[in-house]
Amino acid sequence: MSKTSSLRAFCVLAPLGGLGLAAFVASRRIPRSYDVQLAYVGYIGITSSSDCTAITDPLGYDSLTGTLTGIENPAEPDEDVVYTGTLRRVTKIDYCETRPNPTPDQLAWCKVKLTGGAPMTVELTVYGEDGNGAWLKAKPARAPDSAKVQGTCVQADMDSIKADYPKGESAGSPDGQPIAEPAALKLALQGVRRLRLGYFPPDPPRTSWGLRVVRAVP
């Protein structure tokens, strides 16, 4: 091939190569990490009961904090993005229950306070469809670091609450919780569905857990 032919071929291929590179860069699946806080605030029991409200701490909480990492793909801006990590669970929350008083067919309100901590394997899925928010899943990474109960309920019920922590339905039940997406703050940035800095509050009765994205980790 002559020098003239080579130069002509280069001039034809160069723009294609540039476009290919741009497409490659745009389609990169990028791992990103975020420091997050998730929390349920209130008590466990009949939320509409004035009796429960009177004996429980309204600022009780079940929380998850730490770093989540996911793969974001700018080439597929509407796909679900799954973030995972091991988060620290801290719990200090009241249960509102009943106990026999003075006989089994007569009941009185009672309270159990659960205080505990545990590492949790967490998966947070940001849905690809605008407005659908996210979905939280959490499983114990190992046995709890601590779990303590105290209160006025039947001892067997208190023992059961302690034994259940941090699994399944314990405390604020983080496993299987929707996260709301307010109209004013979408789970998207530059047109791509993803985590972003900000607070995504609960939206009762549909959602009871809130999410705060504290920072993007470099």
N, C-alpha and C. Protein backbone atom coordinates (compact mmCIF):
# COMPACT_ATOMS: atom_id res chain seq x y z
N MET A 1 0.86 -1.19 0.00
CA MET A 1 0.00 0.00 0.00
C MET A 1 0.89 1.23 0.00
N SER A 2 0.54 2.21 -0.88
CA SER A 2 1.33 3.44 -0.97
C SER A 2 1.10 4.30 0.26
N LYS A 3 2.01 5.28 0.43
CA LYS A 3 1.85 6.20 1.55
C LYS A 3 0.55 6.97 1.44
N THR A 4 0.17 7.31 0.19
CA THR A 4 -1.08 8.06 -0.02
C THR A 4 -2.28 7.22 0.40
N SER A 5 -2.27 5.91 0.02
CA SER A 5 -3.35 5.00 0.37
C SER A 5 -3.42 4.81 1.89
N SER A 6 -2.25 4.69 2.52
CA SER A 6 -2.21 4.50 3.97
C SER A 6 -2.78 5.71 4.68
N LEU A 7 -2.43 6.90 4.21
CA LEU A 7 -2.91 8.12 4.83
C LEU A 7 -4.43 8.23 4.67
N ARG A 8 -4.92 7.85 3.45
CA ARG A 8 -6.36 7.92 3.20
C ARG A 8 -7.10 6.95 4.13
N ALA A 9 -6.55 5.74 4.29
CA ALA A 9 -7.18 4.75 5.15
C ALA A 9 -7.19 5.23 6.60
N PHE A 10 -6.10 5.86 7.04
CA PHE A 10 -6.03 6.36 8.41
C PHE A 10 -7.07 7.43 8.64
N CYS A 11 -7.24 8.34 7.66
CA CYS A 11 -8.20 9.44 7.81
C CYS A 11 -9.62 8.91 7.90
N VAL A 12 -9.90 7.76 7.21
CA VAL A 12 -11.24 7.17 7.26
C VAL A 12 -11.47 6.46 8.59
N LEU A 13 -10.46 5.74 9.06
CA LEU A 13 -10.60 4.92 10.26
C LEU A 13 -10.51 5.73 11.55
N ALA A 14 -9.78 6.84 11.54
CA ALA A 14 -9.57 7.60 12.77
C ALA A 14 -10.87 8.06 13.40
N PRO A 15 -11.82 8.64 12.63
CA PRO A 15 -13.08 9.05 13.25
C PRO A 15 -13.85 7.87 13.82
N LEU A 16 -13.79 6.72 13.10
CA LEU A 16 -14.48 5.55 13.62
C LEU A 16 -13.86 5.09 14.92
N GLY A 17 -12.53 5.13 14.97
CA GLY A 17 -11.85 4.74 16.19
C GLY A 17 -12.20 5.66 17.34
N GLY A 18 -12.30 6.98 17.04
CA GLY A 18 -12.67 7.94 18.08
C GLY A 18 -14.06 7.69 18.60
N LEU A 19 -15.00 7.39 17.68
CA LEU A 19 -16.37 7.10 18.10
C LEU A 19 -16.42 5.82 18.91
N GLY A 20 -15.64 4.83 18.49
CA GLY A 20 -15.61 3.57 19.23
C GLY A 20 -15.10 3.76 20.63
N LEU A 21 -14.06 4.58 20.78
CA LEU A 21 -13.51 4.87 22.11
C LEU A 21 -14.54 5.58 22.98
N ALA A 22 -15.24 6.56 22.38
CA ALA A 22 -16.26 7.28 23.14
C ALA A 22 -17.36 6.34 23.60
N ALA A 23 -17.77 5.42 22.70
CA ALA A 23 -18.81 4.47 23.07
C ALA A 23 -18.33 3.54 24.17
N PHE A 24 -17.04 3.14 24.08
CA PHE A 24 -16.48 2.27 25.11
C PHE A 24 -16.49 2.95 26.47
N VAL A 25 -16.05 4.22 26.49
CA VAL A 25 -16.01 4.97 27.74
C VAL A 25 -17.41 5.13 28.32
N ALA A 26 -18.39 5.44 27.43
CA ALA A 26 -19.77 5.66 27.89
C ALA A 26 -20.40 4.39 28.43
N SER A 27 -19.94 3.22 27.94
CA SER A 27 -20.57 1.97 28.34
C SER A 27 -19.87 1.30 29.52
N ARG A 28 -18.85 1.91 30.05
CA ARG A 28 -18.13 1.30 31.16
C ARG A 28 -19.04 1.12 32.37
N ARG A 29 -18.96 -0.05 32.97
CA ARG A 29 -19.70 -0.31 34.20
C ARG A 29 -18.80 0.11 35.35
N ILE A 30 -19.20 1.15 36.05
CA ILE A 30 -18.32 1.81 37.02
C ILE A 30 -18.69 1.43 38.45
N PRO A 31 -17.76 0.86 39.23
CA PRO A 31 -18.05 0.59 40.64
C PRO A 31 -18.00 1.89 41.44
N ARG A 32 -19.02 2.13 42.24
CA ARG A 32 -19.05 3.33 43.08
C ARG A 32 -19.48 2.95 44.48
N SER A 33 -18.92 3.65 45.47
CA SER A 33 -19.23 3.39 46.87
C SER A 33 -19.80 4.62 47.53
N TYR A 34 -20.69 4.39 48.50
CA TYR A 34 -21.36 5.47 49.21
C TYR A 34 -21.46 5.14 50.69
N ASP A 35 -21.20 6.13 51.54
CA ASP A 35 -21.48 6.01 52.96
C ASP A 35 -22.95 6.31 53.18
N VAL A 36 -23.66 5.39 53.84
CA VAL A 36 -25.10 5.53 53.99
C VAL A 36 -25.53 5.32 55.43
N GLN A 37 -26.70 5.83 55.75
CA GLN A 37 -27.37 5.60 57.02
C GLN A 37 -28.82 5.24 56.69
N LEU A 38 -29.28 4.13 57.24
CA LEU A 38 -30.68 3.73 57.09
C LEU A 38 -31.27 3.58 58.49
N ALA A 39 -32.53 3.99 58.66
CA ALA A 39 -33.09 3.94 60.01
C ALA A 39 -34.60 3.84 60.02
N TYR A 40 -35.09 3.13 61.03
CA TYR A 40 -36.50 3.11 61.41
C TYR A 40 -36.58 3.81 62.76
N VAL A 41 -37.51 4.74 62.91
CA VAL A 41 -37.66 5.49 64.16
C VAL A 41 -39.08 5.30 64.69
N GLY A 42 -39.18 4.98 65.98
CA GLY A 42 -40.48 4.79 66.60
C GLY A 42 -40.47 3.61 67.55
N TYR A 43 -41.54 2.83 67.57
CA TYR A 43 -41.61 1.64 68.41
C TYR A 43 -42.24 0.51 67.61
N ILE A 44 -42.23 -0.69 68.19
CA ILE A 44 -42.79 -1.87 67.54
C ILE A 44 -44.09 -2.23 68.24
N GLY A 45 -45.17 -2.27 67.52
CA GLY A 45 -46.46 -2.61 68.12
C GLY A 45 -47.58 -2.03 67.30
N ILE A 46 -48.70 -1.78 67.97
CA ILE A 46 -49.87 -1.23 67.30
C ILE A 46 -49.69 0.28 67.19
N THR A 47 -49.33 0.73 66.01
CA THR A 47 -48.95 2.14 65.84
C THR A 47 -50.11 3.10 66.07
N SER A 48 -51.35 2.60 65.95
CA SER A 48 -52.50 3.49 66.14
C SER A 48 -52.99 3.51 67.58
N SER A 49 -52.29 2.77 68.47
CA SER A 49 -52.75 2.66 69.85
C SER A 49 -52.21 3.80 70.71
N SER A 50 -53.10 4.55 71.31
CA SER A 50 -52.67 5.61 72.24
C SER A 50 -52.04 5.00 73.49
N ASP A 51 -52.45 3.76 73.84
CA ASP A 51 -51.86 3.08 75.00
C ASP A 51 -50.39 2.80 74.76
N CYS A 52 -50.05 2.35 73.53
CA CYS A 52 -48.65 2.09 73.20
C CYS A 52 -47.86 3.39 73.17
N THR A 53 -48.44 4.41 72.57
CA THR A 53 -47.75 5.70 72.47
C THR A 53 -47.41 6.24 73.86
N ALA A 54 -48.27 5.96 74.83
CA ALA A 54 -48.08 6.51 76.17
C ALA A 54 -46.92 5.86 76.92
N ILE A 55 -46.56 4.61 76.57
CA ILE A 55 -45.55 3.90 77.37
C ILE A 55 -44.24 3.68 76.63
N THR A 56 -44.16 4.03 75.36
CA THR A 56 -42.94 3.76 74.59
C THR A 56 -42.18 5.05 74.26
N ASP A 57 -40.92 4.85 73.89
CA ASP A 57 -40.07 5.97 73.49
C ASP A 57 -40.31 6.27 72.01
N PRO A 58 -40.84 7.44 71.67
CA PRO A 58 -41.12 7.74 70.26
C PRO A 58 -39.86 7.91 69.42
N LEU A 59 -38.71 8.06 70.08
CA LEU A 59 -37.45 8.24 69.37
C LEU A 59 -36.59 6.97 69.40
N GLY A 60 -37.21 5.83 69.73
CA GLY A 60 -36.50 4.57 69.62
C GLY A 60 -36.10 4.34 68.16
N TYR A 61 -35.08 3.52 67.93
CA TYR A 61 -34.59 3.37 66.56
C TYR A 61 -33.97 2.00 66.31
N ASP A 62 -33.96 1.64 65.04
CA ASP A 62 -33.20 0.52 64.50
C ASP A 62 -32.45 1.09 63.31
N SER A 63 -31.13 0.90 63.24
CA SER A 63 -30.35 1.61 62.23
C SER A 63 -29.27 0.73 61.61
N LEU A 64 -28.88 1.12 60.40
CA LEU A 64 -27.79 0.48 59.66
C LEU A 64 -26.88 1.58 59.12
N THR A 65 -25.59 1.47 59.37
CA THR A 65 -24.65 2.47 58.86
C THR A 65 -23.41 1.78 58.29
N GLY A 66 -22.83 2.40 57.26
CA GLY A 66 -21.62 1.87 56.67
C GLY A 66 -21.52 2.23 55.20
N THR A 67 -20.78 1.43 54.45
CA THR A 67 -20.50 1.72 53.04
C THR A 67 -21.09 0.65 52.14
N LEU A 68 -21.79 1.09 51.10
CA LEU A 68 -22.35 0.19 50.10
C LEU A 68 -21.67 0.46 48.75
N THR A 69 -21.44 -0.60 47.99
CA THR A 69 -20.79 -0.49 46.69
C THR A 69 -21.64 -1.16 45.62
N GLY A 70 -21.77 -0.50 44.47
CA GLY A 70 -22.53 -1.06 43.36
C GLY A 70 -21.90 -0.72 42.03
N ILE A 71 -22.35 -1.37 40.98
CA ILE A 71 -21.86 -1.14 39.63
C ILE A 71 -22.87 -0.29 38.88
N GLU A 72 -22.48 0.92 38.50
CA GLU A 72 -23.35 1.83 37.77
C GLU A 72 -22.95 1.83 36.29
N ASN A 73 -23.94 1.78 35.42
CA ASN A 73 -23.68 1.66 33.99
C ASN A 73 -24.34 2.82 33.24
N PRO A 74 -23.58 3.86 32.90
CA PRO A 74 -24.16 5.01 32.18
C PRO A 74 -24.81 4.63 30.86
N ALA A 75 -24.39 3.51 30.26
CA ALA A 75 -24.96 3.09 28.99
C ALA A 75 -26.37 2.52 29.15
N GLU A 76 -26.73 2.13 30.38
CA GLU A 76 -28.06 1.60 30.67
C GLU A 76 -28.65 2.41 31.83
N PRO A 77 -29.05 3.65 31.58
CA PRO A 77 -29.44 4.56 32.66
C PRO A 77 -30.69 4.14 33.41
N ASP A 78 -31.50 3.23 32.82
CA ASP A 78 -32.75 2.83 33.46
C ASP A 78 -32.72 1.43 34.04
N GLU A 79 -31.54 0.83 34.20
CA GLU A 79 -31.48 -0.49 34.77
C GLU A 79 -31.38 -0.42 36.29
N ASP A 80 -31.82 -1.50 36.96
CA ASP A 80 -31.68 -1.57 38.42
C ASP A 80 -30.20 -1.56 38.78
N VAL A 81 -29.87 -0.92 39.90
CA VAL A 81 -28.50 -0.92 40.39
C VAL A 81 -28.49 -1.52 41.78
N VAL A 82 -27.69 -2.55 41.99
CA VAL A 82 -27.65 -3.26 43.26
C VAL A 82 -26.36 -2.88 44.00
N TYR A 83 -26.52 -2.40 45.22
CA TYR A 83 -25.39 -2.03 46.08
C TYR A 83 -25.33 -3.01 47.26
N THR A 84 -24.13 -3.43 47.61
CA THR A 84 -23.97 -4.39 48.69
C THR A 84 -22.87 -3.95 49.65
N GLY A 85 -22.91 -4.50 50.86
CA GLY A 85 -21.88 -4.20 51.84
C GLY A 85 -22.27 -4.77 53.19
N THR A 86 -21.34 -4.73 54.12
CA THR A 86 -21.61 -5.14 55.50
C THR A 86 -21.77 -3.87 56.33
N LEU A 87 -22.97 -3.67 56.87
CA LEU A 87 -23.27 -2.47 57.63
C LEU A 87 -23.41 -2.81 59.11
N ARG A 88 -23.19 -1.81 59.92
CA ARG A 88 -23.29 -1.95 61.36
C ARG A 88 -24.73 -1.65 61.80
N ARG A 89 -25.37 -2.62 62.43
CA ARG A 89 -26.72 -2.43 62.94
C ARG A 89 -26.67 -2.05 64.41
N VAL A 90 -27.35 -0.97 64.76
CA VAL A 90 -27.46 -0.53 66.16
C VAL A 90 -28.95 -0.33 66.46
N THR A 91 -29.40 -0.93 67.55
CA THR A 91 -30.82 -0.95 67.86
C THR A 91 -31.06 -0.54 69.31
N LYS A 92 -32.01 0.36 69.49
CA LYS A 92 -32.49 0.71 70.83
C LYS A 92 -33.96 1.09 70.67
N ILE A 93 -34.82 0.11 70.85
CA ILE A 93 -36.22 0.29 70.46
C ILE A 93 -37.15 -0.41 71.44
N ASP A 94 -38.35 0.12 71.57
CA ASP A 94 -39.36 -0.45 72.47
C ASP A 94 -40.36 -1.30 71.70
N TYR A 95 -40.75 -2.40 72.31
CA TYR A 95 -41.87 -3.22 71.85
C TYR A 95 -43.06 -2.93 72.76
N CYS A 96 -44.23 -2.73 72.18
CA CYS A 96 -45.46 -2.57 72.94
C CYS A 96 -46.27 -3.86 72.81
N GLU A 97 -46.49 -4.56 73.94
CA GLU A 97 -47.20 -5.82 73.92
C GLU A 97 -48.20 -5.87 75.08
N THR A 98 -48.78 -7.05 75.30
CA THR A 98 -49.71 -7.23 76.41
C THR A 98 -49.27 -8.41 77.26
N ARG A 99 -49.72 -8.40 78.49
CA ARG A 99 -49.45 -9.50 79.41
C ARG A 99 -50.71 -9.77 80.24
N PRO A 100 -50.86 -11.00 80.77
CA PRO A 100 -52.02 -11.30 81.61
C PRO A 100 -52.05 -10.40 82.86
N ASN A 101 -53.21 -9.89 83.18
CA ASN A 101 -53.33 -9.02 84.36
C ASN A 101 -54.78 -8.92 84.83
N PRO A 102 -55.14 -9.53 85.94
CA PRO A 102 -54.30 -10.45 86.74
C PRO A 102 -54.41 -11.90 86.27
N THR A 103 -55.36 -12.19 85.36
CA THR A 103 -55.57 -13.55 84.87
C THR A 103 -55.38 -13.57 83.36
N PRO A 104 -55.18 -14.76 82.76
CA PRO A 104 -54.93 -14.84 81.32
C PRO A 104 -56.02 -14.23 80.45
N ASP A 105 -57.23 -14.15 80.94
CA ASP A 105 -58.30 -13.57 80.12
C ASP A 105 -58.44 -12.07 80.32
N GLN A 106 -57.56 -11.50 81.11
CA GLN A 106 -57.50 -10.05 81.29
C GLN A 106 -56.09 -9.59 80.97
N LEU A 107 -55.99 -8.57 80.15
CA LEU A 107 -54.68 -8.16 79.65
C LEU A 107 -54.35 -6.73 80.06
N ALA A 108 -53.05 -6.49 80.20
CA ALA A 108 -52.56 -5.13 80.46
C ALA A 108 -51.43 -4.85 79.47
N TRP A 109 -51.26 -3.58 79.11
CA TRP A 109 -50.17 -3.20 78.20
C TRP A 109 -48.84 -3.32 78.92
N CYS A 110 -47.81 -3.74 78.20
CA CYS A 110 -46.47 -3.83 78.77
C CYS A 110 -45.45 -3.43 77.71
N LYS A 111 -44.22 -3.19 78.15
CA LYS A 111 -43.17 -2.70 77.25
C LYS A 111 -41.91 -3.53 77.41
N VAL A 112 -41.22 -3.77 76.29
CA VAL A 112 -39.90 -4.39 76.30
C VAL A 112 -38.95 -3.49 75.54
N LYS A 113 -37.82 -3.17 76.15
CA LYS A 113 -36.79 -2.40 75.44
C LYS A 113 -35.70 -3.33 74.98
N LEU A 114 -35.45 -3.33 73.67
CA LEU A 114 -34.37 -4.13 73.07
C LEU A 114 -33.21 -3.21 72.73
N THR A 115 -32.04 -3.57 73.23
CA THR A 115 -30.81 -2.84 72.91
C THR A 115 -29.81 -3.84 72.33
N GLY A 116 -29.29 -3.56 71.15
CA GLY A 116 -28.38 -4.52 70.55
C GLY A 116 -27.55 -3.95 69.43
N GLY A 117 -26.63 -4.77 68.96
CA GLY A 117 -25.76 -4.38 67.84
C GLY A 117 -25.31 -5.62 67.09
N ALA A 118 -25.15 -5.51 65.77
CA ALA A 118 -24.76 -6.66 64.96
C ALA A 118 -24.28 -6.21 63.59
N PRO A 119 -23.33 -6.95 62.98
CA PRO A 119 -22.99 -6.70 61.57
C PRO A 119 -24.02 -7.36 60.68
N MET A 120 -24.42 -6.65 59.61
CA MET A 120 -25.46 -7.15 58.72
C MET A 120 -24.98 -7.12 57.26
N THR A 121 -25.24 -8.19 56.54
CA THR A 121 -24.98 -8.23 55.11
C THR A 121 -26.18 -7.58 54.42
N VAL A 122 -25.92 -6.46 53.74
CA VAL A 122 -27.00 -5.62 53.22
C VAL A 122 -26.96 -5.55 51.70
N GLU A 123 -28.15 -5.58 51.11
CA GLU A 123 -28.30 -5.37 49.67
C GLU A 123 -29.37 -4.30 49.46
N LEU A 124 -29.01 -3.24 48.76
CA LEU A 124 -29.94 -2.15 48.48
C LEU A 124 -30.05 -2.01 46.96
N THR A 125 -31.25 -2.24 46.44
CA THR A 125 -31.49 -2.17 44.99
C THR A 125 -32.21 -0.87 44.66
N VAL A 126 -31.58 -0.03 43.86
CA VAL A 126 -32.24 1.17 43.32
C VAL A 126 -32.95 0.75 42.05
N TYR A 127 -34.27 0.88 42.05
CA TYR A 127 -35.05 0.45 40.89
C TYR A 127 -34.81 1.34 39.68
N GLY A 128 -34.81 0.72 38.50
CA GLY A 128 -34.55 1.46 37.28
C GLY A 128 -35.68 2.38 36.86
N GLU A 129 -36.90 2.11 37.33
CA GLU A 129 -38.03 2.94 36.94
C GLU A 129 -38.17 4.14 37.86
N ASP A 130 -38.25 5.31 37.28
CA ASP A 130 -38.35 6.55 38.03
C ASP A 130 -39.53 6.53 39.00
N GLY A 131 -39.26 6.93 40.25
CA GLY A 131 -40.31 7.02 41.24
C GLY A 131 -40.53 5.77 42.07
N ASN A 132 -39.91 4.65 41.68
CA ASN A 132 -40.13 3.39 42.40
C ASN A 132 -39.23 3.23 43.61
N GLY A 133 -38.26 4.13 43.78
CA GLY A 133 -37.42 4.08 44.97
C GLY A 133 -36.46 2.92 44.98
N ALA A 134 -36.30 2.30 46.17
CA ALA A 134 -35.32 1.23 46.34
C ALA A 134 -35.90 0.15 47.25
N TRP A 135 -35.16 -0.96 47.34
CA TRP A 135 -35.58 -2.09 48.15
C TRP A 135 -34.41 -2.54 49.01
N LEU A 136 -34.67 -2.67 50.32
CA LEU A 136 -33.63 -3.00 51.29
C LEU A 136 -33.75 -4.46 51.74
N LYS A 137 -32.62 -5.16 51.70
CA LYS A 137 -32.55 -6.52 52.24
C LYS A 137 -31.38 -6.57 53.21
N ALA A 138 -31.55 -7.30 54.32
CA ALA A 138 -30.48 -7.37 55.33
C ALA A 138 -30.52 -8.71 56.05
N LYS A 139 -29.37 -9.35 56.13
CA LYS A 139 -29.24 -10.62 56.84
C LYS A 139 -28.08 -10.53 57.83
N PRO A 140 -28.15 -11.22 58.97
CA PRO A 140 -27.03 -11.19 59.91
C PRO A 140 -25.76 -11.74 59.27
N ALA A 141 -24.66 -11.03 59.45
CA ALA A 141 -23.37 -11.52 58.96
C ALA A 141 -22.79 -12.56 59.91
N ARG A 142 -23.20 -12.46 61.17
CA ARG A 142 -22.80 -13.44 62.19
C ARG A 142 -23.70 -13.21 63.40
N ALA A 143 -23.39 -13.87 64.51
CA ALA A 143 -24.16 -13.68 65.73
C ALA A 143 -24.05 -12.23 66.19
N PRO A 144 -25.05 -11.72 66.91
CA PRO A 144 -24.98 -10.32 67.35
C PRO A 144 -23.83 -10.06 68.30
N ASP A 145 -23.30 -8.86 68.24
CA ASP A 145 -22.26 -8.48 69.19
C ASP A 145 -22.85 -8.28 70.58
N SER A 146 -24.11 -7.85 70.61
CA SER A 146 -24.80 -7.65 71.88
C SER A 146 -26.30 -7.69 71.65
N ALA A 147 -27.03 -8.11 72.67
CA ALA A 147 -28.49 -8.11 72.64
C ALA A 147 -28.98 -8.17 74.08
N LYS A 148 -29.76 -7.17 74.47
CA LYS A 148 -30.25 -7.11 75.85
C LYS A 148 -31.70 -6.66 75.84
N VAL A 149 -32.51 -7.28 76.70
CA VAL A 149 -33.90 -6.86 76.83
C VAL A 149 -34.21 -6.57 78.30
N GLN A 150 -35.10 -5.63 78.50
CA GLN A 150 -35.61 -5.35 79.84
C GLN A 150 -37.01 -4.78 79.69
N GLY A 151 -37.85 -5.01 80.69
CA GLY A 151 -39.20 -4.49 80.58
C GLY A 151 -40.16 -5.14 81.55
N THR A 152 -41.44 -5.00 81.25
CA THR A 152 -42.50 -5.43 82.16
C THR A 152 -43.36 -6.55 81.56
N CYS A 153 -42.98 -7.09 80.41
CA CYS A 153 -43.76 -8.15 79.77
C CYS A 153 -43.38 -9.52 80.35
N VAL A 154 -44.11 -10.55 79.92
CA VAL A 154 -43.84 -11.92 80.35
C VAL A 154 -42.42 -12.30 79.96
N GLN A 155 -41.70 -12.96 80.86
CA GLN A 155 -40.29 -13.26 80.61
C GLN A 155 -40.09 -14.08 79.35
N ALA A 156 -40.98 -15.02 79.08
CA ALA A 156 -40.85 -15.85 77.88
C ALA A 156 -40.92 -15.00 76.61
N ASP A 157 -41.79 -13.99 76.61
CA ASP A 157 -41.89 -13.10 75.46
C ASP A 157 -40.63 -12.26 75.30
N MET A 158 -40.08 -11.81 76.43
CA MET A 158 -38.85 -11.02 76.38
C MET A 158 -37.68 -11.87 75.89
N ASP A 159 -37.64 -13.12 76.33
CA ASP A 159 -36.58 -14.03 75.89
C ASP A 159 -36.68 -14.28 74.38
N SER A 160 -37.90 -14.38 73.86
CA SER A 160 -38.10 -14.61 72.44
C SER A 160 -37.63 -13.42 71.61
N ILE A 161 -37.91 -12.23 72.08
CA ILE A 161 -37.46 -11.02 71.39
C ILE A 161 -35.94 -10.98 71.31
N LYS A 162 -35.30 -11.33 72.41
CA LYS A 162 -33.83 -11.34 72.44
C LYS A 162 -33.27 -12.41 71.51
N ALA A 163 -33.88 -13.60 71.51
CA ALA A 163 -33.38 -14.70 70.68
C ALA A 163 -33.55 -14.42 69.19
N ASP A 164 -34.58 -13.66 68.83
CA ASP A 164 -34.84 -13.37 67.42
C ASP A 164 -33.86 -12.36 66.82
N TYR A 165 -33.24 -11.54 67.66
CA TYR A 165 -32.36 -10.48 67.16
C TYR A 165 -31.02 -11.06 66.74
N PRO A 166 -30.46 -10.69 65.57
CA PRO A 166 -30.93 -9.67 64.62
C PRO A 166 -31.61 -10.25 63.37
N LYS A 167 -32.27 -11.39 63.49
CA LYS A 167 -32.83 -12.06 62.32
C LYS A 167 -34.19 -11.46 61.93
N GLY A 168 -34.60 -11.75 60.70
CA GLY A 168 -35.95 -11.58 60.21
C GLY A 168 -36.76 -10.41 60.71
N GLU A 169 -37.79 -10.72 61.50
CA GLU A 169 -38.75 -9.71 61.93
C GLU A 169 -38.31 -8.95 63.17
N SER A 170 -37.09 -9.14 63.62
CA SER A 170 -36.65 -8.49 64.85
C SER A 170 -36.59 -6.98 64.69
N ALA A 171 -36.93 -6.29 65.78
CA ALA A 171 -36.87 -4.83 65.85
C ALA A 171 -37.57 -4.19 64.66
N GLY A 172 -36.89 -3.30 63.92
CA GLY A 172 -37.52 -2.61 62.80
C GLY A 172 -37.59 -3.40 61.52
N SER A 173 -37.17 -4.67 61.54
CA SER A 173 -37.25 -5.58 60.40
C SER A 173 -36.65 -5.00 59.12
N PRO A 174 -35.34 -4.77 59.05
CA PRO A 174 -34.77 -4.16 57.84
C PRO A 174 -34.81 -5.05 56.61
N ASP A 175 -35.00 -6.36 56.80
CA ASP A 175 -34.98 -7.26 55.65
C ASP A 175 -36.33 -7.24 54.93
N GLY A 176 -36.31 -6.68 53.71
CA GLY A 176 -37.53 -6.62 52.92
C GLY A 176 -38.31 -5.34 53.13
N GLN A 177 -37.63 -4.21 53.06
CA GLN A 177 -38.27 -2.91 53.29
C GLN A 177 -38.12 -2.02 52.05
N PRO A 178 -39.22 -1.38 51.64
CA PRO A 178 -39.12 -0.41 50.54
C PRO A 178 -38.54 0.91 51.04
N ILE A 179 -37.84 1.60 50.18
CA ILE A 179 -37.32 2.94 50.45
C ILE A 179 -38.01 3.90 49.49
N ALA A 180 -38.64 4.93 50.04
CA ALA A 180 -39.41 5.87 49.22
C ALA A 180 -38.48 6.81 48.45
N GLU A 181 -38.99 7.29 47.33
CA GLU A 181 -38.27 8.24 46.49
C GLU A 181 -39.12 9.50 46.32
N PRO A 182 -38.82 10.56 47.06
CA PRO A 182 -39.65 11.77 46.96
C PRO A 182 -39.51 12.44 45.60
N ALA A 183 -40.56 13.12 45.19
CA ALA A 183 -40.54 13.79 43.88
C ALA A 183 -39.46 14.86 43.81
N ALA A 184 -39.13 15.43 44.97
CA ALA A 184 -38.16 16.52 44.99
C ALA A 184 -36.71 16.05 44.94
N LEU A 185 -36.48 14.75 45.15
CA LEU A 185 -35.11 14.24 45.16
C LEU A 185 -35.12 12.82 44.59
N LYS A 186 -34.85 12.71 43.32
CA LYS A 186 -34.89 11.43 42.64
C LYS A 186 -33.61 10.62 42.89
N LEU A 187 -33.77 9.30 42.88
CA LEU A 187 -32.62 8.41 42.94
C LEU A 187 -32.02 8.30 41.54
N ALA A 188 -31.47 9.40 41.08
CA ALA A 188 -30.86 9.49 39.76
C ALA A 188 -29.93 10.69 39.74
N LEU A 189 -28.91 10.62 38.91
CA LEU A 189 -27.98 11.72 38.76
C LEU A 189 -27.50 11.74 37.32
N GLN A 190 -27.61 12.90 36.68
CA GLN A 190 -27.23 13.05 35.26
C GLN A 190 -27.96 12.02 34.40
N GLY A 191 -29.23 11.78 34.76
CA GLY A 191 -30.07 10.89 33.97
C GLY A 191 -29.86 9.41 34.21
N VAL A 192 -28.99 9.04 35.16
CA VAL A 192 -28.68 7.63 35.43
C VAL A 192 -29.23 7.26 36.80
N ARG A 193 -30.00 6.17 36.88
CA ARG A 193 -30.52 5.69 38.16
C ARG A 193 -29.36 5.23 39.04
N ARG A 194 -29.29 5.80 40.26
CA ARG A 194 -28.17 5.49 41.16
C ARG A 194 -28.43 6.15 42.51
N LEU A 195 -27.58 5.81 43.48
CA LEU A 195 -27.58 6.54 44.74
C LEU A 195 -27.03 7.94 44.51
N ARG A 196 -27.47 8.86 45.34
CA ARG A 196 -26.95 10.22 45.29
C ARG A 196 -27.06 10.83 46.67
N LEU A 197 -26.30 11.88 46.93
CA LEU A 197 -26.30 12.51 48.24
C LEU A 197 -27.69 13.07 48.55
N GLY A 198 -28.10 12.91 49.80
CA GLY A 198 -29.38 13.46 50.21
C GLY A 198 -30.12 12.54 51.16
N TYR A 199 -31.28 13.01 51.62
CA TYR A 199 -32.11 12.26 52.56
C TYR A 199 -33.41 11.85 51.89
N PHE A 200 -33.71 10.55 51.99
CA PHE A 200 -34.92 9.98 51.42
C PHE A 200 -35.77 9.47 52.58
N PRO A 201 -36.70 10.29 53.06
CA PRO A 201 -37.42 9.98 54.30
C PRO A 201 -38.46 8.89 54.12
N PRO A 202 -38.90 8.29 55.25
CA PRO A 202 -40.01 7.32 55.18
C PRO A 202 -41.27 7.99 54.64
N ASP A 203 -42.15 7.18 54.09
CA ASP A 203 -43.42 7.67 53.57
C ASP A 203 -44.54 6.77 54.11
N PRO A 204 -44.87 6.92 55.43
CA PRO A 204 -45.88 6.05 56.03
C PRO A 204 -47.23 6.22 55.35
N PRO A 205 -48.05 5.17 55.31
CA PRO A 205 -47.77 3.81 55.82
C PRO A 205 -47.04 2.91 54.83
N ARG A 206 -46.73 3.44 53.64
CA ARG A 206 -46.11 2.59 52.61
C ARG A 206 -44.70 2.20 52.97
N THR A 207 -43.94 3.12 53.51
CA THR A 207 -42.55 2.83 53.89
C THR A 207 -42.28 3.32 55.30
N SER A 208 -41.44 2.59 56.02
CA SER A 208 -41.13 2.96 57.41
C SER A 208 -39.65 3.21 57.64
N TRP A 209 -38.80 2.85 56.68
CA TRP A 209 -37.36 3.09 56.80
C TRP A 209 -36.96 4.28 55.93
N GLY A 210 -36.03 5.09 56.45
CA GLY A 210 -35.48 6.20 55.69
C GLY A 210 -34.04 5.94 55.31
N LEU A 211 -33.57 6.62 54.28
CA LEU A 211 -32.20 6.47 53.78
C LEU A 211 -31.54 7.83 53.69
N ARG A 212 -30.33 7.93 54.24
CA ARG A 212 -29.52 9.12 54.05
C ARG A 212 -28.20 8.71 53.39
N VAL A 213 -27.91 9.28 52.24
CA VAL A 213 -26.63 9.05 51.57
C VAL A 213 -25.70 10.17 51.99
N VAL A 214 -24.71 9.84 52.79
CA VAL A 214 -23.87 10.86 53.44
C VAL A 214 -22.81 11.39 52.49
N ARG A 215 -22.14 10.49 51.77
CA ARG A 215 -21.11 10.93 50.84
C ARG A 215 -20.76 9.84 49.86
N ALA A 216 -20.26 10.26 48.71
CA ALA A 216 -19.71 9.32 47.74
C ALA A 216 -18.24 9.10 48.11
N VAL A 217 -17.86 7.84 48.20
CA VAL A 217 -16.49 7.50 48.61
C VAL A 217 -15.58 7.52 47.39
N PRO A 218 -14.50 8.31 47.42
CA PRO A 218 -13.59 8.39 46.25
C PRO A 218 -13.04 7.02 45.89
